[in-house]
Amino acid sequence: MSSSNPWTVSLSIDESGGETTAEARLVMNGDHLAGHGKARLNPADQAVEKIGAEIALARALSDLSHRLLHAAATDVEGMTHKPARLHP
C-alpha cells in the first residue's frame, strides 16, 4: 500500500532599509527545518526589490538544503553507527 506524505515549503521575505531577509521553512511529518538568507543593496546600485528577494531566497533555500542534508546524515549515522558520507 502506498501513502502520500506531503512535505511543505513556505517562503517569506522582508525588505527594510536596503536589506532583504528571507526564510525557507520545510514542514515534514510534524518536524520542521528553516533556512535563512540575506541580501544587501549596494549604495551604488539601483534599488530593484525583486533582485534582493531573489538573492535572499536563493540563499535561504541553499541554507535549508544544507540543513536537510545534515539532518539526513545524522539520521544515517544514528541507524548505522558509522560516519555518513553524504555530498551536496
PDB file of N, CA and C in Angstrom:
ATOM      1  N   MET A   1       0.833  -1.165   0.000  1.00  0.00           N
ATOM      2  CA  MET A   1       0.000   0.000   0.000  1.00  0.00           C
ATOM      3  C   MET A   1       0.892   1.247   0.000  1.00  0.00           C
ATOM      4  N   SER A   2       0.609   2.183  -0.873  1.00  0.00           N
ATOM      5  CA  SER A   2       1.383   3.419  -0.891  1.00  0.00           C
ATOM      6  C   SER A   2       0.591   4.507  -0.182  1.00  0.00           C
ATOM      7  N   SER A   3       1.316   5.441   0.395  1.00  0.00           N
ATOM      8  CA  SER A   3       0.655   6.544   1.082  1.00  0.00           C
ATOM      9  C   SER A   3       1.326   7.847   0.703  1.00  0.00           C
ATOM     10  N   SER A   4       0.549   8.892   0.766  1.00  0.00           N
ATOM     11  CA  SER A   4       1.078  10.214   0.468  1.00  0.00           C
ATOM     12  C   SER A   4       1.554  10.862   1.761  1.00  0.00           C
ATOM     13  N   ASN A   5       2.729  11.424   1.713  1.00  0.00           N
ATOM     14  CA  ASN A   5       3.296  12.071   2.882  1.00  0.00           C
ATOM     15  C   ASN A   5       3.835  13.422   2.445  1.00  0.00           C
ATOM     16  N   PRO A   6       2.940  14.410   2.302  1.00  0.00           N
ATOM     17  CA  PRO A   6       3.395  15.690   1.757  1.00  0.00           C
ATOM     18  C   PRO A   6       4.339  16.445   2.685  1.00  0.00           C
ATOM     19  N   TRP A   7       5.341  17.049   2.099  1.00  0.00           N
ATOM     20  CA  TRP A   7       6.224  17.963   2.790  1.00  0.00           C
ATOM     21  C   TRP A   7       5.933  19.345   2.206  1.00  0.00           C
ATOM     22  N   THR A   8       5.911  20.346   3.054  1.00  0.00           N
ATOM     23  CA  THR A   8       5.544  21.685   2.615  1.00  0.00           C
ATOM     24  C   THR A   8       6.701  22.652   2.853  1.00  0.00           C
ATOM     25  N   VAL A   9       6.981  23.454   1.839  1.00  0.00           N
ATOM     26  CA  VAL A   9       7.983  24.510   1.974  1.00  0.00           C
ATOM     27  C   VAL A   9       7.255  25.850   1.879  1.00  0.00           C
ATOM     28  N   SER A  10       7.479  26.704   2.869  1.00  0.00           N
ATOM     29  CA  SER A  10       6.933  28.054   2.814  1.00  0.00           C
ATOM     30  C   SER A  10       8.091  29.045   2.761  1.00  0.00           C
ATOM     31  N   LEU A  11       7.891  30.102   2.004  1.00  0.00           N
ATOM     32  CA  LEU A  11       8.925  31.121   1.817  1.00  0.00           C
ATOM     33  C   LEU A  11       8.390  32.457   2.314  1.00  0.00           C
ATOM     34  N   SER A  12       9.219  33.194   3.028  1.00  0.00           N
ATOM     35  CA  SER A  12       8.825  34.538   3.451  1.00  0.00           C
ATOM     36  C   SER A  12       9.976  35.498   3.199  1.00  0.00           C
ATOM     37  N   ILE A  13       9.617  36.733   2.886  1.00  0.00           N
ATOM     38  CA  ILE A  13      10.607  37.766   2.545  1.00  0.00           C
ATOM     39  C   ILE A  13      10.254  39.034   3.307  1.00  0.00           C
ATOM     40  N   ASP A  14      11.275  39.730   3.779  1.00  0.00           N
ATOM     41  CA  ASP A  14      11.087  41.023   4.429  1.00  0.00           C
ATOM     42  C   ASP A  14      12.172  41.960   3.908  1.00  0.00           C
ATOM     43  N   GLU A  15      11.757  43.145   3.478  1.00  0.00           N
ATOM     44  CA  GLU A  15      12.717  44.125   2.968  1.00  0.00           C
ATOM     45  C   GLU A  15      12.595  45.391   3.789  1.00  0.00           C
ATOM     46  N   SER A  16      13.742  45.882   4.263  1.00  0.00           N
ATOM     47  CA  SER A  16      13.734  47.103   5.054  1.00  0.00           C
ATOM     48  C   SER A  16      15.099  47.776   4.972  1.00  0.00           C
ATOM     49  N   GLY A  17      15.092  49.017   4.614  1.00  0.00           N
ATOM     50  CA  GLY A  17      16.309  49.811   4.638  1.00  0.00           C
ATOM     51  C   GLY A  17      17.447  49.275   3.793  1.00  0.00           C
ATOM     52  N   GLY A  18      17.133  48.742   2.625  1.00  0.00           N
ATOM     53  CA  GLY A  18      18.179  48.242   1.746  1.00  0.00           C
ATOM     54  C   GLY A  18      18.664  46.842   2.076  1.00  0.00           C
ATOM     55  N   GLU A  19      18.012  46.177   3.040  1.00  0.00           N
ATOM     56  CA  GLU A  19      18.374  44.802   3.372  1.00  0.00           C
ATOM     57  C   GLU A  19      17.136  43.911   3.219  1.00  0.00           C
ATOM     58  N   THR A  20      17.325  42.805   2.542  1.00  0.00           N
ATOM     59  CA  THR A  20      16.245  41.841   2.360  1.00  0.00           C
ATOM     60  C   THR A  20      16.615  40.571   3.108  1.00  0.00           C
ATOM     61  N   THR A  21      15.689  40.074   3.920  1.00  0.00           N
ATOM     62  CA  THR A  21      15.886  38.808   4.607  1.00  0.00           C
ATOM     63  C   THR A  21      14.814  37.834   4.135  1.00  0.00           C
ATOM     64  N   ALA A  22      15.169  36.565   4.101  1.00  0.00           N
ATOM     65  CA  ALA A  22      14.234  35.535   3.655  1.00  0.00           C
ATOM     66  C   ALA A  22      14.355  34.313   4.541  1.00  0.00           C
ATOM     67  N   GLU A  23      13.254  33.593   4.623  1.00  0.00           N
ATOM     68  CA  GLU A  23      13.239  32.322   5.350  1.00  0.00           C
ATOM     69  C   GLU A  23      12.559  31.289   4.464  1.00  0.00           C
ATOM     70  N   ALA A  24      13.156  30.112   4.407  1.00  0.00           N
ATOM     71  CA  ALA A  24      12.556  28.963   3.739  1.00  0.00           C
ATOM     72  C   ALA A  24      12.320  27.922   4.821  1.00  0.00           C
ATOM     73  N   ARG A  25      11.054  27.576   5.049  1.00  0.00           N
ATOM     74  CA  ARG A  25      10.698  26.653   6.135  1.00  0.00           C
ATOM     75  C   ARG A  25      10.102  25.383   5.542  1.00  0.00           C
ATOM     76  N   LEU A  26      10.665  24.250   5.936  1.00  0.00           N
ATOM     77  CA  LEU A  26      10.198  22.937   5.499  1.00  0.00           C
ATOM     78  C   LEU A  26       9.487  22.264   6.666  1.00  0.00           C
ATOM     79  N   VAL A  27       8.248  21.816   6.416  1.00  0.00           N
ATOM     80  CA  VAL A  27       7.488  21.066   7.411  1.00  0.00           C
ATOM     81  C   VAL A  27       7.325  19.653   6.875  1.00  0.00           C
ATOM     82  N   MET A  28       7.740  18.665   7.681  1.00  0.00           N
ATOM     83  CA  MET A  28       7.706  17.267   7.267  1.00  0.00           C
ATOM     84  C   MET A  28       7.376  16.400   8.465  1.00  0.00           C
ATOM     85  N   ASN A  29       6.316  15.654   8.372  1.00  0.00           N
ATOM     86  CA  ASN A  29       5.926  14.726   9.444  1.00  0.00           C
ATOM     87  C   ASN A  29       5.908  15.386  10.817  1.00  0.00           C
ATOM     88  N   GLY A  30       5.481  16.623  10.902  1.00  0.00           N
ATOM     89  CA  GLY A  30       5.438  17.310  12.190  1.00  0.00           C
ATOM     90  C   GLY A  30       6.741  17.978  12.589  1.00  0.00           C
ATOM     91  N   ASP A  31       7.836  17.627  11.948  1.00  0.00           N
ATOM     92  CA  ASP A  31       9.121  18.278  12.205  1.00  0.00           C
ATOM     93  C   ASP A  31       9.281  19.449  11.248  1.00  0.00           C
ATOM     94  N   HIS A  32      10.213  20.318  11.550  1.00  0.00           N
ATOM     95  CA  HIS A  32      10.482  21.421  10.620  1.00  0.00           C
ATOM     96  C   HIS A  32      11.953  21.794  10.641  1.00  0.00           C
ATOM     97  N   LEU A  33      12.379  22.324   9.516  1.00  0.00           N
ATOM     98  CA  LEU A  33      13.716  22.900   9.363  1.00  0.00           C
ATOM     99  C   LEU A  33      13.537  24.264   8.725  1.00  0.00           C
ATOM    100  N   ALA A  34      14.437  25.185   9.007  1.00  0.00           N
ATOM    101  CA  ALA A  34      14.359  26.511   8.395  1.00  0.00           C
ATOM    102  C   ALA A  34      15.734  26.934   7.922  1.00  0.00           C
ATOM    103  N   GLY A  35      15.747  27.553   6.760  1.00  0.00           N
ATOM    104  CA  GLY A  35      16.961  28.149   6.214  1.00  0.00           C
ATOM    105  C   GLY A  35      16.779  29.646   6.119  1.00  0.00           C
ATOM    106  N   HIS A  36      17.848  30.392   6.232  1.00  0.00           N
ATOM    107  CA  HIS A  36      17.772  31.850   6.217  1.00  0.00           C
ATOM    108  C   HIS A  36      18.754  32.428   5.206  1.00  0.00           C
ATOM    109  N   GLY A  37      18.373  33.560   4.648  1.00  0.00           N
ATOM    110  CA  GLY A  37      19.246  34.240   3.698  1.00  0.00           C
ATOM    111  C   GLY A  37      19.065  35.742   3.770  1.00  0.00           C
ATOM    112  N   LYS A  38      20.107  36.463   3.382  1.00  0.00           N
ATOM    113  CA  LYS A  38      20.080  37.929   3.371  1.00  0.00           C
ATOM    114  C   LYS A  38      20.667  38.455   2.075  1.00  0.00           C
ATOM    115  N   ALA A  39      20.225  39.632   1.711  1.00  0.00           N
ATOM    116  CA  ALA A  39      20.822  40.371   0.597  1.00  0.00           C
ATOM    117  C   ALA A  39      20.833  41.840   0.993  1.00  0.00           C
ATOM    118  N   ARG A  40      21.919  42.516   0.657  1.00  0.00           N
ATOM    119  CA  ARG A  40      22.029  43.947   0.966  1.00  0.00           C
ATOM    120  C   ARG A  40      22.227  44.726  -0.318  1.00  0.00           C
ATOM    121  N   LEU A  41      21.562  45.853  -0.387  1.00  0.00           N
ATOM    122  CA  LEU A  41      21.690  46.728  -1.541  1.00  0.00           C
ATOM    123  C   LEU A  41      23.002  47.496  -1.457  1.00  0.00           C
ATOM    124  N   ASN A  42      23.791  47.401  -2.517  1.00  0.00           N
ATOM    125  CA  ASN A  42      24.991  48.222  -2.619  1.00  0.00           C
ATOM    126  C   ASN A  42      24.525  49.666  -2.855  1.00  0.00           C
ATOM    127  N   PRO A  43      24.991  50.616  -2.052  1.00  0.00           N
ATOM    128  CA  PRO A  43      24.537  52.003  -2.210  1.00  0.00           C
ATOM    129  C   PRO A  43      24.758  52.558  -3.624  1.00  0.00           C
ATOM    130  N   ALA A  44      25.694  52.005  -4.365  1.00  0.00           N
ATOM    131  CA  ALA A  44      25.959  52.473  -5.723  1.00  0.00           C
ATOM    132  C   ALA A  44      24.991  51.877  -6.745  1.00  0.00           C
ATOM    133  N   ASP A  45      24.211  50.868  -6.346  1.00  0.00           N
ATOM    134  CA  ASP A  45      23.290  50.189  -7.265  1.00  0.00           C
ATOM    135  C   ASP A  45      21.889  50.775  -7.193  1.00  0.00           C
ATOM    136  N   GLN A  46      21.146  50.580  -8.281  1.00  0.00           N
ATOM    137  CA  GLN A  46      19.749  50.978  -8.322  1.00  0.00           C
ATOM    138  C   GLN A  46      18.935  49.995  -7.482  1.00  0.00           C
ATOM    139  N   ALA A  47      17.973  50.492  -6.725  1.00  0.00           N
ATOM    140  CA  ALA A  47      17.147  49.637  -5.873  1.00  0.00           C
ATOM    141  C   ALA A  47      16.115  48.893  -6.730  1.00  0.00           C
ATOM    142  N   VAL A  48      16.294  47.575  -6.849  1.00  0.00           N
ATOM    143  CA  VAL A  48      15.336  46.716  -7.544  1.00  0.00           C
ATOM    144  C   VAL A  48      14.952  45.630  -6.547  1.00  0.00           C
ATOM    145  N   GLU A  49      13.769  45.776  -5.948  1.00  0.00           N
ATOM    146  CA  GLU A  49      13.355  44.901  -4.855  1.00  0.00           C
ATOM    147  C   GLU A  49      13.354  43.427  -5.255  1.00  0.00           C
ATOM    148  N   LYS A  50      12.964  43.139  -6.504  1.00  0.00           N
ATOM    149  CA  LYS A  50      12.884  41.745  -6.964  1.00  0.00           C
ATOM    150  C   LYS A  50      14.250  41.057  -6.894  1.00  0.00           C
ATOM    151  N   ILE A  51      15.302  41.773  -7.235  1.00  0.00           N
ATOM    152  CA  ILE A  51      16.637  41.172  -7.238  1.00  0.00           C
ATOM    153  C   ILE A  51      17.071  40.825  -5.813  1.00  0.00           C
ATOM    154  N   GLY A  52      16.838  41.719  -4.885  1.00  0.00           N
ATOM    155  CA  GLY A  52      17.165  41.433  -3.490  1.00  0.00           C
ATOM    156  C   GLY A  52      16.399  40.226  -2.979  1.00  0.00           C
ATOM    157  N   ALA A  53      15.122  40.128  -3.358  1.00  0.00           N
ATOM    158  CA  ALA A  53      14.306  38.986  -2.945  1.00  0.00           C
ATOM    159  C   ALA A  53      14.843  37.692  -3.550  1.00  0.00           C
ATOM    160  N   GLU A  54      15.217  37.722  -4.825  1.00  0.00           N
ATOM    161  CA  GLU A  54      15.763  36.524  -5.474  1.00  0.00           C
ATOM    162  C   GLU A  54      17.036  36.046  -4.776  1.00  0.00           C
ATOM    163  N   ILE A  55      17.924  36.971  -4.478  1.00  0.00           N
ATOM    164  CA  ILE A  55      19.197  36.601  -3.842  1.00  0.00           C
ATOM    165  C   ILE A  55      18.957  36.071  -2.435  1.00  0.00           C
ATOM    166  N   ALA A  56      18.143  36.770  -1.647  1.00  0.00           N
ATOM    167  CA  ALA A  56      17.872  36.342  -0.276  1.00  0.00           C
ATOM    168  C   ALA A  56      17.178  34.979  -0.257  1.00  0.00           C
ATOM    169  N   LEU A  57      16.198  34.777  -1.153  1.00  0.00           N
ATOM    170  CA  LEU A  57      15.504  33.486  -1.198  1.00  0.00           C
ATOM    171  C   LEU A  57      16.422  32.367  -1.657  1.00  0.00           C
ATOM    172  N   ALA A  58      17.266  32.633  -2.639  1.00  0.00           N
ATOM    173  CA  ALA A  58      18.216  31.611  -3.095  1.00  0.00           C
ATOM    174  C   ALA A  58      19.135  31.206  -1.948  1.00  0.00           C
ATOM    175  N   ARG A  59      19.583  32.164  -1.178  1.00  0.00           N
ATOM    176  CA  ARG A  59      20.453  31.860  -0.031  1.00  0.00           C
ATOM    177  C   ARG A  59      19.695  31.092   1.047  1.00  0.00           C
ATOM    178  N   ALA A  60      18.430  31.446   1.276  1.00  0.00           N
ATOM    179  CA  ALA A  60      17.624  30.735   2.274  1.00  0.00           C
ATOM    180  C   ALA A  60      17.391  29.289   1.839  1.00  0.00           C
ATOM    181  N   LEU A  61      17.088  29.072   0.550  1.00  0.00           N
ATOM    182  CA  LEU A  61      16.875  27.710   0.054  1.00  0.00           C
ATOM    183  C   LEU A  61      18.164  26.895   0.096  1.00  0.00           C
ATOM    184  N   SER A  62      19.283  27.538  -0.203  1.00  0.00           N
ATOM    185  CA  SER A  62      20.571  26.851  -0.121  1.00  0.00           C
ATOM    186  C   SER A  62      20.868  26.447   1.323  1.00  0.00           C
ATOM    187  N   ASP A  63      20.615  27.361   2.251  1.00  0.00           N
ATOM    188  CA  ASP A  63      20.817  27.068   3.666  1.00  0.00           C
ATOM    189  C   ASP A  63      19.909  25.916   4.098  1.00  0.00           C
ATOM    190  N   LEU A  64      18.654  25.946   3.671  1.00  0.00           N
ATOM    191  CA  LEU A  64      17.716  24.873   4.008  1.00  0.00           C
ATOM    192  C   LEU A  64      18.197  23.540   3.447  1.00  0.00           C
ATOM    193  N   SER A  65      18.686  23.523   2.219  1.00  0.00           N
ATOM    194  CA  SER A  65      19.135  22.259   1.623  1.00  0.00           C
ATOM    195  C   SER A  65      20.322  21.685   2.397  1.00  0.00           C
ATOM    196  N   HIS A  66      21.233  22.540   2.838  1.00  0.00           N
ATOM    197  CA  HIS A  66      22.363  22.059   3.628  1.00  0.00           C
ATOM    198  C   HIS A  66      21.908  21.514   4.985  1.00  0.00           C
ATOM    199  N   ARG A  67      20.949  22.180   5.592  1.00  0.00           N
ATOM    200  CA  ARG A  67      20.421  21.707   6.876  1.00  0.00           C
ATOM    201  C   ARG A  67      19.709  20.361   6.717  1.00  0.00           C
ATOM    202  N   LEU A  68      18.969  20.193   5.617  1.00  0.00           N
ATOM    203  CA  LEU A  68      18.273  18.933   5.374  1.00  0.00           C
ATOM    204  C   LEU A  68      19.265  17.804   5.120  1.00  0.00           C
ATOM    205  N   LEU A  69      20.316  18.087   4.368  1.00  0.00           N
ATOM    206  CA  LEU A  69      21.345  17.077   4.128  1.00  0.00           C
ATOM    207  C   LEU A  69      22.036  16.690   5.436  1.00  0.00           C
ATOM    208  N   HIS A  70      22.308  17.676   6.292  1.00  0.00           N
ATOM    209  CA  HIS A  70      22.921  17.398   7.588  1.00  0.00           C
ATOM    210  C   HIS A  70      21.986  16.544   8.445  1.00  0.00           C
ATOM    211  N   ALA A  71      20.686  16.858   8.436  1.00  0.00           N
ATOM    212  CA  ALA A  71      19.715  16.062   9.202  1.00  0.00           C
ATOM    213  C   ALA A  71      19.684  14.622   8.696  1.00  0.00           C
ATOM    214  N   ALA A  72      19.734  14.448   7.374  1.00  0.00           N
ATOM    215  CA  ALA A  72      19.739  13.100   6.803  1.00  0.00           C
ATOM    216  C   ALA A  72      21.001  12.349   7.223  1.00  0.00           C
ATOM    217  N   ALA A  73      22.144  13.024   7.192  1.00  0.00           N
ATOM    218  CA  ALA A  73      23.398  12.389   7.598  1.00  0.00           C
ATOM    219  C   ALA A  73      23.338  11.967   9.061  1.00  0.00           C
ATOM    220  N   THR A  74      22.774  12.821   9.894  1.00  0.00           N
ATOM    221  CA  THR A  74      22.620  12.489  11.313  1.00  0.00           C
ATOM    222  C   THR A  74      21.732  11.261  11.486  1.00  0.00           C
ATOM    223  N   ASP A  75      20.657  11.189  10.705  1.00  0.00           N
ATOM    224  CA  ASP A  75      19.765  10.024  10.779  1.00  0.00           C
ATOM    225  C   ASP A  75      20.473   8.757  10.314  1.00  0.00           C
ATOM    226  N   VAL A  76      21.257   8.840   9.243  1.00  0.00           N
ATOM    227  CA  VAL A  76      22.009   7.684   8.746  1.00  0.00           C
ATOM    228  C   VAL A  76      22.989   7.216   9.821  1.00  0.00           C
ATOM    229  N   GLU A  77      23.711   8.151  10.420  1.00  0.00           N
ATOM    230  CA  GLU A  77      24.679   7.796  11.462  1.00  0.00           C
ATOM    231  C   GLU A  77      23.996   7.166  12.670  1.00  0.00           C
ATOM    232  N   GLY A  78      22.787   7.629  12.991  1.00  0.00           N
ATOM    233  CA  GLY A  78      22.046   7.056  14.099  1.00  0.00           C
ATOM    234  C   GLY A  78      21.626   5.614  13.833  1.00  0.00           C
ATOM    235  N   MET A  79      21.379   5.299  12.573  1.00  0.00           N
ATOM    236  CA  MET A  79      20.964   3.941  12.207  1.00  0.00           C
ATOM    237  C   MET A  79      22.162   3.002  12.037  1.00  0.00           C
ATOM    238  N   THR A  80      23.244   3.514  11.470  1.00  0.00           N
ATOM    239  CA  THR A  80      24.382   2.650  11.128  1.00  0.00           C
ATOM    240  C   THR A  80      25.500   2.677  12.165  1.00  0.00           C
ATOM    241  N   HIS A  81      25.499   3.718  13.010  1.00  0.00           N
ATOM    242  CA  HIS A  81      26.568   3.926  13.991  1.00  0.00           C
ATOM    243  C   HIS A  81      27.934   4.075  13.308  1.00  0.00           C
ATOM    244  N   LYS A  82      27.904   4.602  12.086  1.00  0.00           N
ATOM    245  CA  LYS A  82      29.107   4.889  11.329  1.00  0.00           C
ATOM    246  C   LYS A  82      28.980   6.281  10.726  1.00  0.00           C
ATOM    247  N   PRO A  83      30.105   6.944  10.460  1.00  0.00           N
ATOM    248  CA  PRO A  83      30.033   8.272   9.837  1.00  0.00           C
ATOM    249  C   PRO A  83      29.353   8.204   8.469  1.00  0.00           C
ATOM    250  N   ALA A  84      28.438   9.117   8.234  1.00  0.00           N
ATOM    251  CA  ALA A  84      27.775   9.195   6.925  1.00  0.00           C
ATOM    252  C   ALA A  84      28.630  10.042   5.988  1.00  0.00           C
ATOM    253  N   ARG A  85      28.647   9.673   4.754  1.00  0.00           N
ATOM    254  CA  ARG A  85      29.398  10.421   3.741  1.00  0.00           C
ATOM    255  C   ARG A  85      28.439  10.874   2.651  1.00  0.00           C
ATOM    256  N   LEU A  86      27.645  11.890   2.997  1.00  0.00           N
ATOM    257  CA  LEU A  86      26.694  12.451   2.048  1.00  0.00           C
ATOM    258  C   LEU A  86      27.277  13.731   1.467  1.00  0.00           C
ATOM    259  N   HIS A  87      27.159  13.893   0.175  1.00  0.00           N
ATOM    260  CA  HIS A  87      27.709  15.072  -0.502  1.00  0.00           C
ATOM    261  C   HIS A  87      26.595  15.855  -1.154  1.00  0.00           C
ATOM    262  N   PRO A  88      26.705  17.185  -1.155  1.00  0.00           N
ATOM    263  CA  PRO A  88      25.686  18.007  -1.797  1.00  0.00           C
ATOM    264  C   PRO A  88      25.635  17.799  -3.295  1.00  0.00           C
TER     265      PRO A  88
END
